[in-house]
């Protein structure tokens, strides 16, 4: 069985997410949302390759894998016998910019 570890940024993501959901929908909804995320993360201890490789979706070489826990993405990588949760991001965030510094917004005028 793999060990599960959260990077400091992932912990910050979860704390911000909890605060945001609590302010909008209350503490009970926030607790349920975070429980769904952490339960999904714990499955990775047994099935670390459950999430597909992010490299298969984008044209960037990366060892990141991801799980979609609606409406959030859990980004992780396998490091030896450890599954490291790197970030937990909402689908409305600019994920590629946050992870790789790539903007998905262009300055070009639409044709």
N, C-alpha and C. Protein backbone atom coordinates (compact mmCIF):
# COMPACT_ATOMS: atom_id res chain seq x y z
N UNK A 1 0.85 -1.18 0.00
CA UNK A 1 0.00 0.00 0.00
C UNK A 1 0.89 1.24 0.00
N UNK A 2 0.48 2.24 -0.73
CA UNK A 2 1.23 3.48 -0.85
C UNK A 2 0.89 4.42 0.31
N UNK A 3 1.83 5.27 0.62
CA UNK A 3 1.61 6.31 1.63
C UNK A 3 1.05 7.55 0.92
N UNK A 4 0.10 8.22 1.56
CA UNK A 4 -0.49 9.43 1.01
C UNK A 4 0.09 10.63 1.72
N UNK A 5 0.52 11.63 0.94
CA UNK A 5 1.11 12.83 1.50
C UNK A 5 0.56 14.04 0.75
N UNK A 6 0.30 15.12 1.49
CA UNK A 6 -0.19 16.36 0.89
C UNK A 6 0.93 17.40 0.92
N UNK A 7 1.21 18.00 -0.22
CA UNK A 7 2.16 19.11 -0.29
C UNK A 7 1.55 20.31 0.43
N UNK A 8 2.39 21.21 0.96
CA UNK A 8 1.86 22.39 1.65
C UNK A 8 0.88 23.20 0.79
N UNK A 9 1.15 23.32 -0.50
CA UNK A 9 0.22 24.07 -1.37
C UNK A 9 -1.14 23.39 -1.47
N UNK A 10 -1.14 22.06 -1.49
CA UNK A 10 -2.41 21.33 -1.53
C UNK A 10 -3.19 21.57 -0.24
N UNK A 11 -2.49 21.61 0.88
CA UNK A 11 -3.15 21.89 2.16
C UNK A 11 -3.73 23.30 2.16
N UNK A 12 -2.98 24.25 1.60
CA UNK A 12 -3.49 25.62 1.46
C UNK A 12 -4.73 25.66 0.56
N UNK A 13 -4.67 24.90 -0.54
CA UNK A 13 -5.83 24.84 -1.44
C UNK A 13 -7.07 24.35 -0.70
N UNK A 14 -6.91 23.30 0.09
CA UNK A 14 -8.04 22.74 0.83
C UNK A 14 -8.57 23.73 1.87
N UNK A 15 -7.67 24.43 2.54
CA UNK A 15 -8.09 25.42 3.55
C UNK A 15 -8.87 26.56 2.89
N UNK A 16 -8.37 27.06 1.76
CA UNK A 16 -9.08 28.13 1.04
C UNK A 16 -10.43 27.65 0.52
N UNK A 17 -10.44 26.41 0.04
CA UNK A 17 -11.68 25.83 -0.46
C UNK A 17 -12.71 25.73 0.67
N UNK A 18 -12.26 25.27 1.82
CA UNK A 18 -13.15 25.14 2.97
C UNK A 18 -13.71 26.51 3.37
N UNK A 19 -12.85 27.51 3.43
CA UNK A 19 -13.31 28.87 3.79
C UNK A 19 -14.32 29.40 2.77
N UNK A 20 -14.03 29.20 1.50
CA UNK A 20 -14.91 29.70 0.45
C UNK A 20 -16.28 29.02 0.52
N UNK A 21 -16.28 27.70 0.60
CA UNK A 21 -17.55 26.97 0.63
C UNK A 21 -18.32 27.29 1.90
N UNK A 22 -17.62 27.41 3.02
CA UNK A 22 -18.28 27.76 4.28
C UNK A 22 -18.97 29.11 4.17
N UNK A 23 -18.28 30.09 3.58
CA UNK A 23 -18.86 31.44 3.47
C UNK A 23 -20.07 31.47 2.53
N UNK A 24 -20.08 30.61 1.53
CA UNK A 24 -21.18 30.60 0.56
C UNK A 24 -22.32 29.66 0.92
N UNK A 25 -21.97 28.50 1.51
CA UNK A 25 -22.97 27.45 1.68
C UNK A 25 -23.06 26.86 3.09
N UNK A 26 -22.17 27.29 3.97
CA UNK A 26 -22.21 26.80 5.34
C UNK A 26 -21.18 25.71 5.61
N UNK A 27 -20.93 25.50 6.89
CA UNK A 27 -19.90 24.56 7.34
C UNK A 27 -20.22 23.11 6.98
N UNK A 28 -21.48 22.72 7.03
CA UNK A 28 -21.84 21.34 6.71
C UNK A 28 -21.52 20.99 5.26
N UNK A 29 -21.86 21.88 4.35
CA UNK A 29 -21.58 21.65 2.93
C UNK A 29 -20.07 21.62 2.70
N UNK A 30 -19.34 22.51 3.35
CA UNK A 30 -17.89 22.54 3.21
C UNK A 30 -17.27 21.23 3.70
N UNK A 31 -17.74 20.75 4.83
CA UNK A 31 -17.21 19.51 5.39
C UNK A 31 -17.50 18.33 4.46
N UNK A 32 -18.69 18.26 3.89
CA UNK A 32 -19.03 17.18 2.96
C UNK A 32 -18.18 17.26 1.70
N UNK A 33 -17.96 18.47 1.20
CA UNK A 33 -17.15 18.64 -0.01
C UNK A 33 -15.71 18.18 0.22
N UNK A 34 -15.13 18.60 1.33
CA UNK A 34 -13.76 18.20 1.63
C UNK A 34 -13.66 16.71 1.92
N UNK A 35 -14.68 16.15 2.52
CA UNK A 35 -14.68 14.71 2.79
C UNK A 35 -14.67 13.92 1.47
N UNK A 36 -15.43 14.38 0.47
CA UNK A 36 -15.42 13.70 -0.83
C UNK A 36 -14.03 13.74 -1.46
N UNK A 37 -13.37 14.87 -1.33
CA UNK A 37 -12.03 15.02 -1.89
C UNK A 37 -11.04 14.11 -1.17
N UNK A 38 -11.03 14.15 0.14
CA UNK A 38 -10.06 13.35 0.90
C UNK A 38 -10.34 11.85 0.79
N UNK A 39 -11.61 11.47 0.67
CA UNK A 39 -11.94 10.06 0.46
C UNK A 39 -11.40 9.59 -0.88
N UNK A 40 -11.56 10.40 -1.91
CA UNK A 40 -11.01 10.06 -3.22
C UNK A 40 -9.49 9.97 -3.16
N UNK A 41 -8.87 10.89 -2.45
CA UNK A 41 -7.40 10.86 -2.30
C UNK A 41 -6.95 9.58 -1.60
N UNK A 42 -7.67 9.16 -0.58
CA UNK A 42 -7.28 7.95 0.15
C UNK A 42 -7.34 6.69 -0.73
N UNK A 43 -8.22 6.69 -1.73
CA UNK A 43 -8.27 5.54 -2.66
C UNK A 43 -6.94 5.37 -3.39
N UNK A 44 -6.22 6.47 -3.56
CA UNK A 44 -4.94 6.42 -4.27
C UNK A 44 -3.90 5.61 -3.49
N UNK A 45 -4.09 5.43 -2.20
CA UNK A 45 -3.17 4.60 -1.42
C UNK A 45 -3.17 3.17 -1.95
N UNK A 46 -4.31 2.71 -2.40
CA UNK A 46 -4.42 1.35 -2.93
C UNK A 46 -4.31 1.30 -4.44
N UNK A 47 -4.77 2.35 -5.10
CA UNK A 47 -4.79 2.37 -6.56
C UNK A 47 -4.13 3.66 -7.07
N UNK A 48 -2.82 3.78 -6.92
CA UNK A 48 -2.14 5.04 -7.24
C UNK A 48 -2.23 5.45 -8.71
N UNK A 49 -2.45 4.50 -9.59
CA UNK A 49 -2.54 4.84 -11.01
C UNK A 49 -3.98 5.00 -11.48
N UNK A 50 -4.90 5.16 -10.52
CA UNK A 50 -6.31 5.34 -10.87
C UNK A 50 -6.53 6.57 -11.74
N UNK A 51 -5.86 7.65 -11.41
CA UNK A 51 -6.01 8.87 -12.18
C UNK A 51 -5.15 8.82 -13.43
N UNK A 52 -5.69 9.32 -14.55
CA UNK A 52 -4.91 9.33 -15.78
C UNK A 52 -3.74 10.33 -15.72
N UNK A 53 -2.80 10.12 -16.61
CA UNK A 53 -1.66 11.03 -16.70
C UNK A 53 -2.11 12.34 -17.32
N UNK A 54 -1.66 13.44 -16.74
CA UNK A 54 -1.98 14.76 -17.28
C UNK A 54 -1.28 14.97 -18.61
N UNK A 55 -0.13 14.34 -18.80
CA UNK A 55 0.61 14.48 -20.06
C UNK A 55 -0.20 14.00 -21.25
N UNK A 56 -1.16 13.12 -21.02
CA UNK A 56 -2.01 12.64 -22.11
C UNK A 56 -3.00 13.68 -22.59
N UNK A 57 -3.23 14.72 -21.80
CA UNK A 57 -4.19 15.77 -22.16
C UNK A 57 -3.54 17.02 -22.72
N UNK A 58 -2.30 17.25 -22.33
CA UNK A 58 -1.64 18.49 -22.71
C UNK A 58 -0.33 18.19 -23.41
N UNK A 59 0.22 19.16 -24.06
CA UNK A 59 1.46 18.99 -24.80
C UNK A 59 2.66 19.41 -23.95
N UNK A 60 2.68 18.93 -22.71
CA UNK A 60 3.77 19.24 -21.78
C UNK A 60 4.19 17.94 -21.12
N UNK A 61 5.48 17.73 -21.04
CA UNK A 61 5.99 16.56 -20.34
C UNK A 61 5.84 16.78 -18.83
N UNK A 62 5.07 15.92 -18.19
CA UNK A 62 4.85 16.04 -16.75
C UNK A 62 4.55 14.67 -16.16
N UNK A 63 4.89 14.49 -14.92
CA UNK A 63 4.56 13.24 -14.24
C UNK A 63 3.29 13.37 -13.39
N UNK A 64 2.60 14.49 -13.51
CA UNK A 64 1.35 14.69 -12.79
C UNK A 64 0.27 13.73 -13.30
N UNK A 65 -0.51 13.27 -12.36
CA UNK A 65 -1.73 12.53 -12.65
C UNK A 65 -2.85 13.33 -12.01
N UNK A 66 -4.09 13.01 -12.31
CA UNK A 66 -5.18 13.77 -11.72
C UNK A 66 -6.42 12.91 -11.50
N UNK A 67 -7.21 13.35 -10.55
CA UNK A 67 -8.54 12.80 -10.31
C UNK A 67 -9.51 13.96 -10.38
N UNK A 68 -10.64 13.72 -10.99
CA UNK A 68 -11.69 14.73 -11.03
C UNK A 68 -12.71 14.36 -9.95
N UNK A 69 -12.85 15.25 -8.98
CA UNK A 69 -13.83 15.10 -7.91
C UNK A 69 -14.71 16.33 -8.03
N UNK A 70 -15.74 16.22 -8.82
CA UNK A 70 -16.58 17.33 -9.23
C UNK A 70 -16.87 18.32 -8.11
N UNK A 71 -16.58 19.58 -8.29
CA UNK A 71 -16.04 20.30 -9.45
C UNK A 71 -14.55 20.61 -9.31
N UNK A 72 -13.82 19.71 -8.70
CA UNK A 72 -12.40 19.97 -8.42
C UNK A 72 -11.50 18.90 -9.03
N UNK A 73 -10.26 19.31 -9.23
CA UNK A 73 -9.24 18.39 -9.71
C UNK A 73 -8.20 18.22 -8.61
N UNK A 74 -7.85 16.98 -8.38
CA UNK A 74 -6.78 16.62 -7.46
C UNK A 74 -5.57 16.27 -8.32
N UNK A 75 -4.51 17.03 -8.25
CA UNK A 75 -3.30 16.76 -9.02
C UNK A 75 -2.28 16.10 -8.10
N UNK A 76 -1.71 15.00 -8.58
CA UNK A 76 -0.77 14.25 -7.74
C UNK A 76 0.31 13.62 -8.60
N UNK A 77 1.32 13.12 -7.93
CA UNK A 77 2.34 12.34 -8.61
C UNK A 77 2.76 11.19 -7.70
N UNK A 78 3.25 10.16 -8.33
CA UNK A 78 3.72 8.98 -7.60
C UNK A 78 5.22 9.14 -7.42
N UNK A 79 5.65 9.14 -6.16
CA UNK A 79 7.06 9.30 -5.82
C UNK A 79 7.50 8.09 -5.01
N UNK A 80 8.04 7.09 -5.69
CA UNK A 80 8.42 5.85 -5.00
C UNK A 80 7.17 5.15 -4.48
N UNK A 81 7.11 4.96 -3.16
CA UNK A 81 5.93 4.32 -2.57
C UNK A 81 4.99 5.34 -1.94
N UNK A 82 5.07 6.57 -2.41
CA UNK A 82 4.26 7.67 -1.88
C UNK A 82 3.43 8.31 -3.00
N UNK A 83 2.18 8.61 -2.68
CA UNK A 83 1.34 9.40 -3.58
C UNK A 83 1.29 10.79 -2.99
N UNK A 84 1.84 11.76 -3.71
CA UNK A 84 1.94 13.13 -3.23
C UNK A 84 0.87 13.98 -3.91
N UNK A 85 -0.10 14.47 -3.12
CA UNK A 85 -1.11 15.38 -3.62
C UNK A 85 -0.43 16.75 -3.75
N UNK A 86 -0.34 17.24 -4.96
CA UNK A 86 0.40 18.47 -5.23
C UNK A 86 -0.50 19.69 -5.13
N UNK A 87 -1.66 19.64 -5.76
CA UNK A 87 -2.61 20.76 -5.74
C UNK A 87 -4.04 20.21 -5.78
N UNK A 88 -4.96 21.00 -5.26
CA UNK A 88 -6.39 20.72 -5.37
C UNK A 88 -7.02 22.00 -5.90
N UNK A 89 -7.49 21.95 -7.15
CA UNK A 89 -7.95 23.15 -7.83
C UNK A 89 -9.37 22.97 -8.35
N UNK A 90 -10.11 24.06 -8.34
CA UNK A 90 -11.47 24.07 -8.85
C UNK A 90 -11.43 24.15 -10.37
N UNK A 91 -12.41 23.54 -11.01
CA UNK A 91 -12.44 23.54 -12.48
C UNK A 91 -12.55 24.93 -13.08
N UNK A 92 -12.99 25.93 -12.31
CA UNK A 92 -13.10 27.29 -12.83
C UNK A 92 -11.78 28.05 -12.77
N UNK A 93 -10.79 27.49 -12.09
CA UNK A 93 -9.49 28.15 -12.00
C UNK A 93 -8.70 27.90 -13.29
N UNK A 94 -7.74 28.76 -13.56
CA UNK A 94 -6.87 28.60 -14.73
C UNK A 94 -5.78 27.59 -14.36
N UNK A 95 -6.14 26.33 -14.48
CA UNK A 95 -5.30 25.23 -14.00
C UNK A 95 -3.92 25.22 -14.66
N UNK A 96 -3.86 25.41 -15.97
CA UNK A 96 -2.57 25.34 -16.66
C UNK A 96 -1.65 26.49 -16.26
N UNK A 97 -2.23 27.64 -15.99
CA UNK A 97 -1.43 28.76 -15.53
C UNK A 97 -0.91 28.49 -14.11
N UNK A 98 -1.75 27.97 -13.26
CA UNK A 98 -1.36 27.69 -11.88
C UNK A 98 -0.27 26.61 -11.82
N UNK A 99 -0.46 25.54 -12.59
CA UNK A 99 0.49 24.43 -12.54
C UNK A 99 1.77 24.67 -13.32
N UNK A 100 1.65 25.32 -14.49
CA UNK A 100 2.80 25.42 -15.39
C UNK A 100 3.15 26.83 -15.82
N UNK A 101 2.39 27.82 -15.38
CA UNK A 101 2.65 29.20 -15.79
C UNK A 101 2.23 29.48 -17.21
N UNK A 102 1.32 28.66 -17.75
CA UNK A 102 0.84 28.84 -19.12
C UNK A 102 -0.56 29.46 -19.08
N UNK A 103 -0.72 30.55 -19.74
CA UNK A 103 -2.02 31.20 -19.78
C UNK A 103 -2.88 30.58 -20.88
N UNK A 104 -4.14 30.35 -20.57
CA UNK A 104 -5.06 29.83 -21.58
C UNK A 104 -5.85 30.97 -22.21
N UNK A 105 -5.54 32.19 -21.82
CA UNK A 105 -6.19 33.39 -22.36
C UNK A 105 -5.22 34.05 -23.32
N UNK A 106 -5.71 34.44 -24.49
CA UNK A 106 -4.84 35.11 -25.46
C UNK A 106 -5.22 36.57 -25.58
N UNK A 107 -4.29 37.35 -26.07
CA UNK A 107 -4.52 38.76 -26.31
C UNK A 107 -5.01 39.01 -27.74
N UNK A 108 -5.11 37.95 -28.54
CA UNK A 108 -5.51 38.10 -29.91
C UNK A 108 -6.98 38.43 -30.01
N UNK A 109 -7.30 39.26 -31.01
CA UNK A 109 -8.70 39.58 -31.28
C UNK A 109 -9.37 38.38 -31.93
N UNK A 110 -10.61 38.10 -31.57
CA UNK A 110 -11.30 37.00 -32.23
C UNK A 110 -11.55 37.35 -33.70
N UNK A 111 -11.53 36.38 -34.53
CA UNK A 111 -11.71 36.60 -35.97
C UNK A 111 -13.16 36.61 -36.31
